[in-house]
Amino acid sequence: MIELLFVACLSTAPGTCRERSLLYTDITPMTCAMGAQPELAKWVATHPNWTISRWKCQQVQTAERDA
């Protein structure tokens, strides 16, 4: 599973940021990287008060972790 992990910040308060992610089950990390900008543009179009400050594609770690 591939995760497009990004940080979204409020346009009116750039110091207010949150991590968000989109999960994909049927793509490679390279496909994620190549398609990230259009996907993020769609996300911003539906969340007009937010801007994307950074993003990355990564493999989702499925191993259990201690809480």
Protein backbone atom coordinates (compact mmCIF):
# COMPACT_ATOMS: atom_id res chain seq x y z
CA MET A 1 0.00 0.00 0.00
CA ILE A 2 1.30 3.47 -0.94
CA GLU A 3 0.58 6.64 1.00
CA LEU A 4 0.64 10.16 -0.39
CA LEU A 5 1.51 12.03 2.79
CA PHE A 6 1.18 15.82 2.75
CA VAL A 7 1.12 18.80 5.06
CA ALA A 8 -1.77 21.21 4.60
CA CYS A 9 -1.70 24.69 6.16
CA LEU A 10 -4.51 27.20 6.55
CA SER A 11 -4.20 29.99 4.00
CA THR A 12 -5.12 32.62 6.60
CA ALA A 13 -2.88 31.16 9.33
CA PRO A 14 0.18 29.52 7.71
CA GLY A 15 1.42 28.34 11.12
CA THR A 16 -1.66 26.13 11.50
CA CYS A 17 -0.78 22.94 9.64
CA ARG A 18 -1.97 19.34 9.67
CA GLU A 19 -0.64 16.11 8.22
CA ARG A 20 -3.03 14.42 5.82
CA SER A 21 -2.70 11.36 3.65
CA LEU A 22 -4.29 9.59 0.73
CA LEU A 23 -3.90 5.80 0.52
CA TYR A 24 -3.55 3.76 -2.66
CA THR A 25 -3.53 -0.01 -2.97
CA ASP A 26 -2.86 -0.48 -6.66
CA ILE A 27 0.02 1.86 -7.59
CA THR A 28 3.80 1.95 -7.28
CA PRO A 29 5.76 4.66 -5.44
CA MET A 30 6.85 6.08 -8.83
CA THR A 31 3.25 6.26 -10.03
CA CYS A 32 2.35 8.04 -6.80
CA ALA A 33 5.13 10.57 -7.27
CA MET A 34 4.17 11.22 -10.89
CA GLY A 35 0.47 11.65 -10.07
CA ALA A 36 0.80 13.51 -6.77
CA GLN A 37 0.45 17.07 -8.07
CA PRO A 38 -2.89 16.49 -9.86
CA GLU A 39 -4.24 14.62 -6.81
CA LEU A 40 -3.14 17.40 -4.48
CA ALA A 41 -4.68 19.99 -6.82
CA LYS A 42 -8.02 18.13 -6.56
CA TRP A 43 -7.71 18.08 -2.77
CA VAL A 44 -7.01 21.84 -2.64
CA ALA A 45 -9.98 22.48 -4.96
CA THR A 46 -12.27 20.81 -2.41
CA HIS A 47 -10.52 22.45 0.57
CA PRO A 48 -10.12 26.08 -0.61
CA ASN A 49 -8.95 27.47 2.76
CA TRP A 50 -5.88 25.20 2.78
CA THR A 51 -2.56 25.13 0.92
CA ILE A 52 -0.08 22.27 0.57
CA SER A 53 3.33 23.02 2.05
CA ARG A 54 5.07 19.69 1.32
CA TRP A 55 4.34 16.12 0.29
CA LYS A 56 5.93 12.71 -0.26
CA CYS A 57 5.00 9.22 -1.34
CA GLN A 58 5.95 6.33 0.88
CA GLN A 59 5.29 2.67 1.51
CA VAL A 60 2.80 2.18 4.33
CA GLN A 61 4.33 0.29 7.24
CA THR A 62 1.95 -2.53 8.10
CA ALA A 63 3.95 -3.94 11.02
CA GLU A 64 2.44 -3.45 14.45
CA ARG A 65 3.93 -0.72 16.58
CA ASP A 66 3.87 -0.14 20.32
CA ALA A 67 1.50 2.61 21.39
